[in-house]
C-alpha atoms as a PDB file:
ATOM      1  CA  MET A   1      -1.183  13.697 -12.918  1.00  0.00           C
ATOM      2  CA  VAL A   2      -2.001  12.571 -16.437  1.00  0.00           C
ATOM      3  CA  LYS A   3      -4.755  13.637 -18.796  1.00  0.00           C
ATOM      4  CA  VAL A   4      -7.741  11.476 -19.723  1.00  0.00           C
ATOM      5  CA  LYS A   5      -6.554  11.366 -23.348  1.00  0.00           C
ATOM      6  CA  ASP A   6      -3.236   9.855 -22.192  1.00  0.00           C
ATOM      7  CA  TYR A   7      -4.986   6.735 -20.905  1.00  0.00           C
ATOM      8  CA  PHE A   8      -8.150   6.557 -23.023  1.00  0.00           C
ATOM      9  CA  ASP A   9      -9.386   6.918 -26.584  1.00  0.00           C
ATOM     10  CA  LEU A  10     -12.543   9.046 -26.554  1.00  0.00           C
ATOM     11  CA  LYS A  11     -15.331   8.434 -29.064  1.00  0.00           C
ATOM     12  CA  TYR A  12     -18.986   9.333 -29.353  1.00  0.00           C
ATOM     13  CA  GLY A  13     -21.450   6.500 -28.997  1.00  0.00           C
ATOM     14  CA  VAL A  14     -24.054   5.614 -31.590  1.00  0.00           C
ATOM     15  CA  ASN A  15     -26.295   8.642 -30.766  1.00  0.00           C
ATOM     16  CA  LEU A  16     -29.670   6.906 -30.771  1.00  0.00           C
ATOM     17  CA  GLU A  17     -32.959   7.904 -29.110  1.00  0.00           C
ATOM     18  CA  PHE A  18     -34.347   5.461 -26.586  1.00  0.00           C
ATOM     19  CA  PHE A  19     -38.003   6.232 -27.332  1.00  0.00           C
ATOM     20  CA  ASN A  20     -37.434   5.168 -30.954  1.00  0.00           C
ATOM     21  CA  MET A  21     -35.940   1.839 -29.927  1.00  0.00           C
ATOM     22  CA  GLU A  22     -37.737  -1.482 -29.599  1.00  0.00           C
ATOM     23  CA  GLU A  23     -37.462  -2.543 -25.989  1.00  0.00           C
ATOM     24  CA  ASP A  24     -36.425  -6.110 -25.208  1.00  0.00           C
ATOM     25  CA  SER A  25     -35.836  -7.385 -21.672  1.00  0.00           C
ATOM     26  CA  LYS A  26     -33.225  -9.782 -23.092  1.00  0.00           C
ATOM     27  CA  GLY A  27     -31.598  -7.222 -25.385  1.00  0.00           C
ATOM     28  CA  ILE A  28     -28.557  -5.022 -24.858  1.00  0.00           C
ATOM     29  CA  PRO A  29     -28.352  -2.059 -22.463  1.00  0.00           C
ATOM     30  CA  PHE A  30     -29.204   1.449 -23.647  1.00  0.00           C
ATOM     31  CA  VAL A  31     -27.061   4.019 -21.833  1.00  0.00           C
ATOM     32  CA  ALA A  32     -28.293   7.607 -21.575  1.00  0.00           C
ATOM     33  CA  ARG A  33     -27.296  10.801 -19.761  1.00  0.00           C
ATOM     34  CA  THR A  34     -28.443   9.680 -16.341  1.00  0.00           C
ATOM     35  CA  GLU A  35     -26.605   9.050 -13.098  1.00  0.00           C
ATOM     36  CA  LYS A  36     -28.842   6.151 -12.084  1.00  0.00           C
ATOM     37  CA  ASN A  37     -28.700   2.402 -12.736  1.00  0.00           C
ATOM     38  CA  ASN A  38     -25.198   2.506 -14.244  1.00  0.00           C
ATOM     39  CA  GLY A  39     -26.560   4.899 -16.875  1.00  0.00           C
ATOM     40  CA  VAL A  40     -28.883   2.200 -18.245  1.00  0.00           C
ATOM     41  CA  VAL A  41     -32.463   3.296 -18.980  1.00  0.00           C
ATOM     42  CA  GLY A  42     -33.580  -0.009 -20.503  1.00  0.00           C
ATOM     43  CA  ARG A  43     -32.705  -2.906 -22.774  1.00  0.00           C
ATOM     44  CA  VAL A  44     -33.338  -2.822 -26.502  1.00  0.00           C
ATOM     45  CA  LYS A  45     -33.101  -4.978 -29.598  1.00  0.00           C
ATOM     46  CA  LEU A  46     -30.103  -4.778 -31.873  1.00  0.00           C
ATOM     47  CA  ILE A  47     -30.533  -2.748 -35.056  1.00  0.00           C
ATOM     48  CA  GLY A  48     -29.099  -4.219 -38.219  1.00  0.00           C
ATOM     49  CA  GLY A  49     -26.137  -2.237 -39.493  1.00  0.00           C
ATOM     50  CA  ILE A  50     -25.592  -0.332 -36.230  1.00  0.00           C
ATOM     51  CA  ASN A  51     -22.865  -1.833 -34.097  1.00  0.00           C
ATOM     52  CA  PRO A  52     -23.080  -1.309 -30.334  1.00  0.00           C
ATOM     53  CA  ASN A  53     -20.395   0.469 -28.355  1.00  0.00           C
ATOM     54  CA  PRO A  54     -17.736  -2.048 -27.266  1.00  0.00           C
ATOM     55  CA  PRO A  55     -17.797  -3.697 -23.826  1.00  0.00           C
ATOM     56  CA  ASN A  56     -15.324  -2.947 -21.018  1.00  0.00           C
ATOM     57  CA  THR A  57     -15.393   0.752 -21.807  1.00  0.00           C
ATOM     58  CA  ILE A  58     -16.377   3.717 -19.654  1.00  0.00           C
ATOM     59  CA  SER A  59     -19.504   5.627 -20.659  1.00  0.00           C
ATOM     60  CA  VAL A  60     -19.439   9.326 -19.761  1.00  0.00           C
ATOM     61  CA  SER A  61     -22.424  11.660 -19.925  1.00  0.00           C
ATOM     62  CA  CYS A  62     -21.341  14.985 -21.405  1.00  0.00           C
ATOM     63  CA  GLY A  63     -24.750  16.612 -20.863  1.00  0.00           C
ATOM     64  CA  GLY A  64     -27.710  16.068 -18.556  1.00  0.00           C
ATOM     65  CA  SER A  65     -26.152  14.399 -15.500  1.00  0.00           C
ATOM     66  CA  VAL A  66     -22.745  15.646 -16.611  1.00  0.00           C
ATOM     67  CA  MET A  67     -19.780  13.378 -15.841  1.00  0.00           C
ATOM     68  CA  ALA A  68     -21.941  10.427 -14.803  1.00  0.00           C
ATOM     69  CA  SER A  69     -19.307   7.771 -15.571  1.00  0.00           C
ATOM     70  CA  PHE A  70     -19.829   4.021 -15.548  1.00  0.00           C
ATOM     71  CA  LEU A  71     -18.005   0.858 -16.533  1.00  0.00           C
ATOM     72  CA  GLN A  72     -20.027  -0.977 -19.179  1.00  0.00           C
ATOM     73  CA  GLU A  73     -19.127  -4.651 -19.195  1.00  0.00           C
ATOM     74  CA  GLU A  74     -21.249  -5.683 -22.175  1.00  0.00           C
ATOM     75  CA  PRO A  75     -21.945  -4.185 -25.639  1.00  0.00           C
ATOM     76  CA  TYR A  76     -24.420  -1.297 -25.432  1.00  0.00           C
ATOM     77  CA  TYR A  77     -26.171   1.414 -27.380  1.00  0.00           C
ATOM     78  CA  SER A  78     -26.068   5.004 -26.173  1.00  0.00           C
ATOM     79  CA  GLY A  79     -27.932   8.276 -26.573  1.00  0.00           C
ATOM     80  CA  PHE A  80     -26.776  11.728 -27.591  1.00  0.00           C
ATOM     81  CA  HIS A  81     -23.829  13.400 -25.826  1.00  0.00           C
ATOM     82  CA  VAL A  82     -22.483  10.158 -24.389  1.00  0.00           C
ATOM     83  CA  LEU A  83     -18.805   9.446 -24.971  1.00  0.00           C
ATOM     84  CA  TYR A  84     -17.202   6.080 -24.440  1.00  0.00           C
ATOM     85  CA  LEU A  85     -13.620   5.735 -23.249  1.00  0.00           C
ATOM     86  CA  THR A  86     -11.518   2.793 -24.414  1.00  0.00           C
ATOM     87  CA  PRO A  87      -8.341   2.153 -22.383  1.00  0.00           C
ATOM     88  CA  LYS A  88      -5.044   2.660 -24.205  1.00  0.00           C
ATOM     89  CA  ILE A  89      -3.202   0.845 -21.432  1.00  0.00           C
ATOM     90  CA  LYS A  90      -3.961  -2.367 -19.565  1.00  0.00           C
ATOM     91  CA  LEU A  91      -6.507  -1.642 -16.830  1.00  0.00           C
ATOM     92  CA  ASP A  92      -8.397  -4.260 -14.854  1.00  0.00           C
ATOM     93  CA  LYS A  93     -11.964  -3.912 -13.589  1.00  0.00           C
ATOM     94  CA  ARG A  94     -10.966  -2.343 -10.278  1.00  0.00           C
ATOM     95  CA  GLU A  95      -8.781   0.223 -11.993  1.00  0.00           C
ATOM     96  CA  LEU A  96     -11.520   1.110 -14.469  1.00  0.00           C
ATOM     97  CA  LEU A  97     -14.010   1.556 -11.627  1.00  0.00           C
ATOM     98  CA  TYR A  98     -11.485   3.788  -9.863  1.00  0.00           C
ATOM     99  CA  TYR A  99     -11.195   5.994 -12.929  1.00  0.00           C
ATOM    100  CA  CYS A 100     -15.001   6.158 -13.150  1.00  0.00           C
ATOM    101  CA  MET A 101     -14.919   7.601  -9.648  1.00  0.00           C
ATOM    102  CA  CYS A 102     -12.162  10.052 -10.598  1.00  0.00           C
ATOM    103  CA  LEU A 103     -14.149  11.281 -13.593  1.00  0.00           C
ATOM    104  CA  LYS A 104     -17.298  11.783 -11.503  1.00  0.00           C
ATOM    105  CA  GLN A 105     -15.345  13.976  -9.107  1.00  0.00           C
ATOM    106  CA  ASN A 106     -15.121  16.570 -11.894  1.00  0.00           C
ATOM    107  CA  ALA A 107     -18.896  17.007 -12.132  1.00  0.00           C
ATOM    108  CA  TRP A 108     -18.751  20.252 -10.110  1.00  0.00           C
ATOM    109  CA  LYS A 109     -17.047  21.946 -13.049  1.00  0.00           C
ATOM    110  CA  TYR A 110     -20.135  21.594 -15.225  1.00  0.00           C
ATOM    111  CA  SER A 111     -23.633  22.959 -14.691  1.00  0.00           C
ATOM    112  CA  TYR A 112     -26.450  24.949 -16.283  1.00  0.00           C
ATOM    113  CA  GLY A 113     -25.684  24.119 -19.882  1.00  0.00           C
ATOM    114  CA  ARG A 114     -21.907  23.711 -19.653  1.00  0.00           C
ATOM    115  CA  GLN A 115     -21.114  20.332 -21.167  1.00  0.00           C
ATOM    116  CA  ALA A 116     -17.981  18.199 -21.015  1.00  0.00           C
ATOM    117  CA  ASN A 117     -17.711  17.298 -24.718  1.00  0.00           C
ATOM    118  CA  LYS A 118     -14.654  19.416 -25.517  1.00  0.00           C
ATOM    119  CA  THR A 119     -12.851  19.472 -22.186  1.00  0.00           C
ATOM    120  CA  LEU A 120     -13.156  15.854 -21.032  1.00  0.00           C
ATOM    121  CA  LYS A 121     -10.031  14.716 -22.846  1.00  0.00           C
ATOM    122  CA  ASN A 122      -7.888  17.256 -20.999  1.00  0.00           C
ATOM    123  CA  LEU A 123      -9.156  16.580 -17.477  1.00  0.00           C
ATOM    124  CA  GLU A 124      -6.427  15.424 -15.126  1.00  0.00           C
ATOM    125  CA  ILE A 125      -6.572  12.030 -13.434  1.00  0.00           C
ATOM    126  CA  PRO A 126      -4.052  10.204 -11.205  1.00  0.00           C
ATOM    127  CA  PRO A 127      -1.511   8.011 -13.020  1.00  0.00           C
ATOM    128  CA  LYS A 128      -1.901   4.261 -12.667  1.00  0.00           C
ATOM    129  CA  LYS A 129       1.098   4.039 -10.348  1.00  0.00           C
ATOM    130  CA  ASP A 130      -0.665   6.345  -7.853  1.00  0.00           C
ATOM    131  CA  ILE A 131      -3.874   4.313  -7.604  1.00  0.00           C
ATOM    132  CA  PRO A 132      -4.312   3.820  -3.834  1.00  0.00           C
ATOM    133  CA  PRO A 133      -3.858   0.298  -2.388  1.00  0.00           C
ATOM    134  CA  TRP A 134      -7.456   0.098  -1.111  1.00  0.00           C
ATOM    135  CA  VAL A 135      -8.669  -0.070  -4.716  1.00  0.00           C
ATOM    136  CA  TYR A 136      -7.105  -3.515  -5.004  1.00  0.00           C
ATOM    137  CA  SER A 137      -8.162  -4.798  -1.585  1.00  0.00           C
ATOM    138  CA  ILE A 138     -11.718  -3.537  -1.136  1.00  0.00           C
ATOM    139  CA  LYS A 139     -14.373  -6.223  -1.429  1.00  0.00           C
ATOM    140  CA  ILE A 140     -16.596  -5.799  -4.493  1.00  0.00           C
ATOM    141  CA  GLN A 141     -19.985  -7.384  -4.004  1.00  0.00           C
ATOM    142  CA  GLU A 142     -21.283  -9.094  -7.100  1.00  0.00           C
ATOM    143  CA  LEU A 143     -24.972  -8.278  -7.504  1.00  0.00           C
ATOM    144  CA  GLU A 144     -27.299 -11.230  -7.953  1.00  0.00           C
ATOM    145  CA  LYS A 145     -29.205 -10.696 -11.168  1.00  0.00           C
ATOM    146  CA  LYS A 146     -31.877 -13.262 -10.353  1.00  0.00           C
ATOM    147  CA  PRO A 147     -35.255 -11.613  -9.604  1.00  0.00           C
ATOM    148  CA  LEU A 148     -37.402 -12.433  -6.591  1.00  0.00           C
ATOM    149  CA  ILE A 149     -40.182 -13.570  -8.950  1.00  0.00           C
ATOM    150  CA  SER A 150     -39.331 -15.401 -12.162  1.00  0.00           C
ATOM    151  CA  LYS A 151     -42.639 -14.587 -13.892  1.00  0.00           C
ATOM    152  CA  GLU A 152     -42.492 -11.730 -16.415  1.00  0.00           C
ATOM    153  CA  TYR A 153     -45.057  -8.945 -16.017  1.00  0.00           C
ATOM    154  CA  GLU A 154     -46.088  -6.727 -18.912  1.00  0.00           C
ATOM    155  CA  LEU A 155     -47.185  -3.117 -18.509  1.00  0.00           C
ATOM    156  CA  ASN A 156     -50.464  -2.525 -20.320  1.00  0.00           C
ATOM    157  CA  ILE A 157     -50.643   1.214 -19.686  1.00  0.00           C
ATOM    158  CA  LYS A 158     -53.809   1.638 -21.768  1.00  0.00           C
ATOM    159  CA  SER A 159     -55.810  -0.133 -19.053  1.00  0.00           C
ATOM    160  CA  TRP A 160     -54.431   2.028 -16.222  1.00  0.00           C
ATOM    161  CA  LYS A 161     -56.451   4.745 -14.489  1.00  0.00           C
ATOM    162  CA  TRP A 162     -55.689   8.209 -13.077  1.00  0.00           C
ATOM    163  CA  PHE A 163     -55.468   8.887  -9.341  1.00  0.00           C
ATOM    164  CA  LYS A 164     -54.784  12.110  -7.456  1.00  0.00           C
ATOM    165  CA  ILE A 165     -51.740  11.829  -5.203  1.00  0.00           C
ATOM    166  CA  SER A 166     -53.841  13.279  -2.372  1.00  0.00           C
ATOM    167  CA  ASP A 167     -56.239  10.328  -2.691  1.00  0.00           C
ATOM    168  CA  LEU A 168     -53.350   7.963  -1.973  1.00  0.00           C
ATOM    169  CA  PHE A 169     -51.223   9.942   0.484  1.00  0.00           C
ATOM    170  CA  ILE A 170     -51.444  12.514   3.265  1.00  0.00           C
ATOM    171  CA  ILE A 171     -49.064  15.282   2.208  1.00  0.00           C
ATOM    172  CA  LYS A 172     -47.132  17.043   4.967  1.00  0.00           C
ATOM    173  CA  GLY A 173     -43.955  19.010   5.448  1.00  0.00           C
ATOM    174  CA  THR A 174     -41.058  17.663   7.493  1.00  0.00           C
ATOM    175  CA  LYS A 175     -39.471  19.345  10.495  1.00  0.00           C
ATOM    176  CA  HIS A 176     -36.843  21.783   9.191  1.00  0.00           C
ATOM    177  CA  ILE A 177     -33.352  20.727  10.314  1.00  0.00           C
ATOM    178  CA  THR A 178     -29.956  21.956   9.118  1.00  0.00           C
ATOM    179  CA  ALA A 179     -26.758  19.931   8.996  1.00  0.00           C
ATOM    180  CA  GLU A 180     -25.291  22.302  11.597  1.00  0.00           C
ATOM    181  CA  ASP A 181     -28.159  21.492  13.970  1.00  0.00           C
ATOM    182  CA  ILE A 182     -27.207  17.822  14.084  1.00  0.00           C
ATOM    183  CA  LEU A 183     -23.465  17.986  13.483  1.00  0.00           C
ATOM    184  CA  GLU A 184     -22.748  16.422  16.886  1.00  0.00           C
ATOM    185  CA  TYR A 185     -24.759  13.341  15.868  1.00  0.00           C
ATOM    186  CA  ARG A 186     -22.712  12.662  12.728  1.00  0.00           C
ATOM    187  CA  ASN A 187     -21.881   9.082  11.647  1.00  0.00           C
ATOM    188  CA  GLY A 188     -25.088   7.555  12.950  1.00  0.00           C
ATOM    189  CA  ASN A 189     -27.698   5.263  11.418  1.00  0.00           C
ATOM    190  CA  TYR A 190     -30.453   7.651  10.320  1.00  0.00           C
ATOM    191  CA  PRO A 191     -30.326   9.497   6.975  1.00  0.00           C
ATOM    192  CA  PHE A 192     -30.551  13.265   6.718  1.00  0.00           C
ATOM    193  CA  ILE A 193     -32.634  14.003   3.608  1.00  0.00           C
ATOM    194  CA  VAL A 194     -32.014  17.195   1.632  1.00  0.00           C
ATOM    195  CA  THR A 195     -33.315  18.754  -1.594  1.00  0.00           C
ATOM    196  CA  SER A 196     -31.137  16.698  -3.903  1.00  0.00           C
ATOM    197  CA  SER A 197     -31.861  14.496  -6.901  1.00  0.00           C
ATOM    198  CA  ARG A 198     -29.003  12.155  -5.977  1.00  0.00           C
ATOM    199  CA  ASN A 199     -28.352   9.313  -3.558  1.00  0.00           C
ATOM    200  CA  ASN A 200     -31.992   8.996  -2.442  1.00  0.00           C
ATOM    201  CA  GLY A 201     -31.716  12.582  -1.187  1.00  0.00           C
ATOM    202  CA  VAL A 202     -29.298  11.525   1.566  1.00  0.00           C
ATOM    203  CA  GLU A 203     -26.692  14.061   2.676  1.00  0.00           C
ATOM    204  CA  GLY A 204     -25.296  11.897   5.469  1.00  0.00           C
ATOM    205  CA  PHE A 205     -26.187   9.655   8.413  1.00  0.00           C
ATOM    206  CA  TYR A 206     -26.746  10.793  11.996  1.00  0.00           C
ATOM    207  CA  ASP A 207     -27.858   9.448  15.367  1.00  0.00           C
ATOM    208  CA  TYR A 208     -30.927  11.644  15.118  1.00  0.00           C
ATOM    209  CA  PHE A 209     -34.320  11.537  13.437  1.00  0.00           C
ATOM    210  CA  THR A 210     -37.589  13.474  13.419  1.00  0.00           C
ATOM    211  CA  GLU A 211     -39.621  11.559  10.825  1.00  0.00           C
ATOM    212  CA  GLU A 212     -40.969   8.024  10.728  1.00  0.00           C
ATOM    213  CA  SER A 213     -39.976   5.565   7.998  1.00  0.00           C
ATOM    214  CA  ASN A 214     -42.004   3.994   5.179  1.00  0.00           C
ATOM    215  CA  VAL A 215     -42.961   7.229   3.450  1.00  0.00           C
ATOM    216  CA  LEU A 216     -42.091   8.958   0.190  1.00  0.00           C
ATOM    217  CA  THR A 217     -40.256  12.276   0.195  1.00  0.00           C
ATOM    218  CA  ILE A 218     -40.394  14.978  -2.462  1.00  0.00           C
ATOM    219  CA  ASP A 219     -37.973  17.863  -2.974  1.00  0.00           C
ATOM    220  CA  SER A 220     -40.248  20.894  -3.248  1.00  0.00           C
ATOM    221  CA  ALA A 221     -37.422  23.422  -3.692  1.00  0.00           C
ATOM    222  CA  THR A 222     -35.866  22.481  -7.030  1.00  0.00           C
ATOM    223  CA  VAL A 223     -36.852  19.714  -9.437  1.00  0.00           C
ATOM    224  CA  GLY A 224     -39.356  17.688  -7.396  1.00  0.00           C
ATOM    225  CA  THR A 225     -37.488  14.388  -7.114  1.00  0.00           C
ATOM    226  CA  CYS A 226     -39.357  11.658  -5.241  1.00  0.00           C
ATOM    227  CA  PHE A 227     -37.694   8.945  -3.118  1.00  0.00           C
ATOM    228  CA  TYR A 228     -38.755   6.137  -0.792  1.00  0.00           C
ATOM    229  CA  GLN A 229     -37.482   6.371   2.779  1.00  0.00           C
ATOM    230  CA  GLY A 230     -37.237   2.946   4.373  1.00  0.00           C
ATOM    231  CA  SER A 231     -35.601   4.223   7.582  1.00  0.00           C
ATOM    232  CA  ASN A 232     -36.480   6.855  10.142  1.00  0.00           C
ATOM    233  CA  PHE A 233     -34.898  10.129   9.025  1.00  0.00           C
ATOM    234  CA  SER A 234     -34.526  13.876   9.495  1.00  0.00           C
ATOM    235  CA  ALA A 235     -34.821  16.425   6.704  1.00  0.00           C
ATOM    236  CA  SER A 236     -33.868  19.909   5.585  1.00  0.00           C
ATOM    237  CA  ASP A 237     -36.288  22.627   4.543  1.00  0.00           C
ATOM    238  CA  HIS A 238     -38.514  22.030   1.480  1.00  0.00           C
ATOM    239  CA  VAL A 239     -38.627  18.261   1.891  1.00  0.00           C
ATOM    240  CA  GLU A 240     -42.256  17.129   1.788  1.00  0.00           C
ATOM    241  CA  LYS A 241     -43.373  13.690   2.948  1.00  0.00           C
ATOM    242  CA  LEU A 242     -46.147  11.539   1.503  1.00  0.00           C
ATOM    243  CA  ILE A 243     -47.716   9.366   4.179  1.00  0.00           C
ATOM    244  CA  PRO A 244     -49.461   6.370   2.583  1.00  0.00           C
ATOM    245  CA  GLN A 245     -53.126   5.650   3.157  1.00  0.00           C
ATOM    246  CA  PHE A 246     -52.557   2.063   2.022  1.00  0.00           C
ATOM    247  CA  ASN A 247     -50.047  -0.715   2.719  1.00  0.00           C
ATOM    248  CA  LEU A 248     -46.813   0.750   1.339  1.00  0.00           C
ATOM    249  CA  ASN A 249     -43.698  -1.416   1.056  1.00  0.00           C
ATOM    250  CA  LYS A 250     -40.332  -0.965  -0.633  1.00  0.00           C
ATOM    251  CA  PHE A 251     -41.496  -2.715  -3.803  1.00  0.00           C
ATOM    252  CA  ASN A 252     -44.689  -0.838  -4.605  1.00  0.00           C
ATOM    253  CA  ALA A 253     -42.923   2.303  -3.335  1.00  0.00           C
ATOM    254  CA  LEU A 254     -40.295   1.980  -6.062  1.00  0.00           C
ATOM    255  CA  PHE A 255     -43.039   1.572  -8.642  1.00  0.00           C
ATOM    256  CA  LEU A 256     -44.731   4.741  -7.350  1.00  0.00           C
ATOM    257  CA  THR A 257     -41.565   6.853  -7.157  1.00  0.00           C
ATOM    258  CA  THR A 258     -40.808   5.973 -10.779  1.00  0.00           C
ATOM    259  CA  ILE A 259     -44.282   7.152 -11.830  1.00  0.00           C
ATOM    260  CA  ILE A 260     -44.181  10.312  -9.710  1.00  0.00           C
ATOM    261  CA  ASN A 261     -40.710  11.222 -10.990  1.00  0.00           C
ATOM    262  CA  LEU A 262     -42.151  11.392 -14.504  1.00  0.00           C
ATOM    263  CA  GLU A 263     -43.745  14.649 -13.319  1.00  0.00           C
ATOM    264  CA  LYS A 264     -40.343  16.297 -12.742  1.00  0.00           C
ATOM    265  CA  ILE A 265     -40.290  17.775 -16.240  1.00  0.00           C
ATOM    266  CA  ARG A 266     -43.121  20.106 -15.177  1.00  0.00           C
ATOM    267  CA  TYR A 267     -41.181  21.679 -12.320  1.00  0.00           C
ATOM    268  CA  GLY A 268     -37.969  23.592 -11.694  1.00  0.00           C
ATOM    269  CA  TYR A 269     -36.563  26.621  -9.913  1.00  0.00           C
ATOM    270  CA  GLY A 270     -39.311  28.911 -11.251  1.00  0.00           C
ATOM    271  CA  ARG A 271     -42.156  26.438 -10.729  1.00  0.00           C
ATOM    272  CA  LYS A 272     -41.791  24.365  -7.593  1.00  0.00           C
ATOM    273  CA  PHE A 273     -43.521  21.112  -6.743  1.00  0.00           C
ATOM    274  CA  SER A 274     -45.338  22.619  -3.764  1.00  0.00           C
ATOM    275  CA  GLN A 275     -47.659  20.743  -1.412  1.00  0.00           C
ATOM    276  CA  LYS A 276     -50.646  22.179  -3.274  1.00  0.00           C
ATOM    277  CA  ARG A 277     -49.329  21.032  -6.665  1.00  0.00           C
ATOM    278  CA  ILE A 278     -48.383  17.621  -5.269  1.00  0.00           C
ATOM    279  CA  SER A 279     -51.909  17.273  -3.897  1.00  0.00           C
ATOM    280  CA  GLU A 280     -53.516  18.121  -7.236  1.00  0.00           C
ATOM    281  CA  THR A 281     -51.191  16.010  -9.394  1.00  0.00           C
ATOM    282  CA  LYS A 282     -52.682  12.923 -10.989  1.00  0.00           C
ATOM    283  CA  ILE A 283     -50.679   9.787 -11.740  1.00  0.00           C
ATOM    284  CA  LYS A 284     -51.699   6.814 -13.868  1.00  0.00           C
ATOM    285  CA  LEU A 285     -51.557   3.409 -12.164  1.00  0.00           C
ATOM    286  CA  PRO A 286     -52.511  -0.213 -12.902  1.00  0.00           C
ATOM    287  CA  VAL A 287     -55.862  -1.189 -11.402  1.00  0.00           C
ATOM    288  CA  ASP A 288     -57.500  -4.341 -10.118  1.00  0.00           C
ATOM    289  CA  LYS A 289     -60.919  -5.691 -11.188  1.00  0.00           C
ATOM    290  CA  ASN A 290     -62.619  -3.196  -8.879  1.00  0.00           C
ATOM    291  CA  GLY A 291     -60.858  -0.198 -10.396  1.00  0.00           C
ATOM    292  CA  ASN A 292     -58.604   0.371  -7.371  1.00  0.00           C
ATOM    293  CA  PRO A 293     -54.813   0.669  -7.548  1.00  0.00           C
ATOM    294  CA  ASP A 294     -53.410  -2.828  -8.000  1.00  0.00           C
ATOM    295  CA  TRP A 295     -50.741  -2.756  -5.288  1.00  0.00           C
ATOM    296  CA  GLU A 296     -50.027  -6.468  -5.644  1.00  0.00           C
ATOM    297  CA  PHE A 297     -49.258  -6.096  -9.354  1.00  0.00           C
ATOM    298  CA  MET A 298     -46.945  -3.143  -8.672  1.00  0.00           C
ATOM    299  CA  GLU A 299     -45.086  -5.106  -6.005  1.00  0.00           C
ATOM    300  CA  ASN A 300     -44.745  -8.204  -8.153  1.00  0.00           C
ATOM    301  CA  TYR A 301     -43.629  -6.200 -11.175  1.00  0.00           C
ATOM    302  CA  ILE A 302     -40.686  -4.758  -9.216  1.00  0.00           C
ATOM    303  CA  LYS A 303     -39.882  -8.203  -7.806  1.00  0.00           C
ATOM    304  CA  SER A 304     -39.773  -9.592 -11.349  1.00  0.00           C
ATOM    305  CA  LEU A 305     -37.001  -7.201 -12.412  1.00  0.00           C
ATOM    306  CA  ASN A 306     -33.382  -8.263 -12.545  1.00  0.00           C
ATOM    307  CA  TYR A 307     -31.431  -7.493  -9.343  1.00  0.00           C
ATOM    308  CA  SER A 308     -34.618  -7.196  -7.278  1.00  0.00           C
ATOM    309  CA  LYS A 309     -32.986  -9.493  -4.711  1.00  0.00           C
ATOM    310  CA  GLU A 310     -30.569  -6.663  -3.980  1.00  0.00           C
ATOM    311  CA  LEU A 311     -33.291  -4.329  -2.705  1.00  0.00           C
ATOM    312  CA  LYS A 312     -31.997  -3.737   0.800  1.00  0.00           C
ATOM    313  CA  TRP A 313     -32.402  -0.722   3.049  1.00  0.00           C
ATOM    314  CA  ARG A 314     -30.396   0.590   5.966  1.00  0.00           C
END
């Protein structure tokens, strides 16, 4: 094994705050301490006198979603507690992606306030000569950046209106299943949803389901993360489902989950996102000329985003 510092130079990024930046859909990526979307929370305009972090480096979150590690292939700005790793040795894209995976495997060492700032450089990773052969042979699918709709949609939040979640959805619990209950059905086609903020809540796939697809799920045990479930599924305890009272599809569902997940800051281990609280929560949505939720706008907005053609579900 070698240490991270043997293969990479570690430096802090530019330490900017996204909410103070001027957003620009054609600007450069802004990488924060998140494990989603390659760490990118948006695109922003360049600031005179502040050089971006260099491309073809690995961004590593040292706080928040600790050890969320991604290859950044273009210049980018970054938030606080994000280090970028520049290779000291020649590493191609596949090798850099492999080391991103290796770094993420160390996430279990950090939690509840323990950050990776000081210890990252001394973490052990496999030497280049021990990179497994599959890294060089596995097919990497290039994502198509082109959106489904070429028109750009602007979000005029001032014109949006508030709606109670219970006016849009029927809120119910799911049938409580444990992984042990369905162990014999492992390696199937139906996701088993647990109280996790990662991977759409999926723990694994089984030839077993208890719940119908095309609903939202909310983790009511920890931080209240909301996901769209496009397949039939089973679920562990404390997974609530939101059954739509309107025509839900994967596009407007993604719009809604983004809005609902803004509520996560209000909940945690001491204050859970219970069915009662979900029911009473209000979310702000775009509306049509009649003052009803504008589902068509929400769908088209998601379709207008880059990579929307890659929205596929099992």
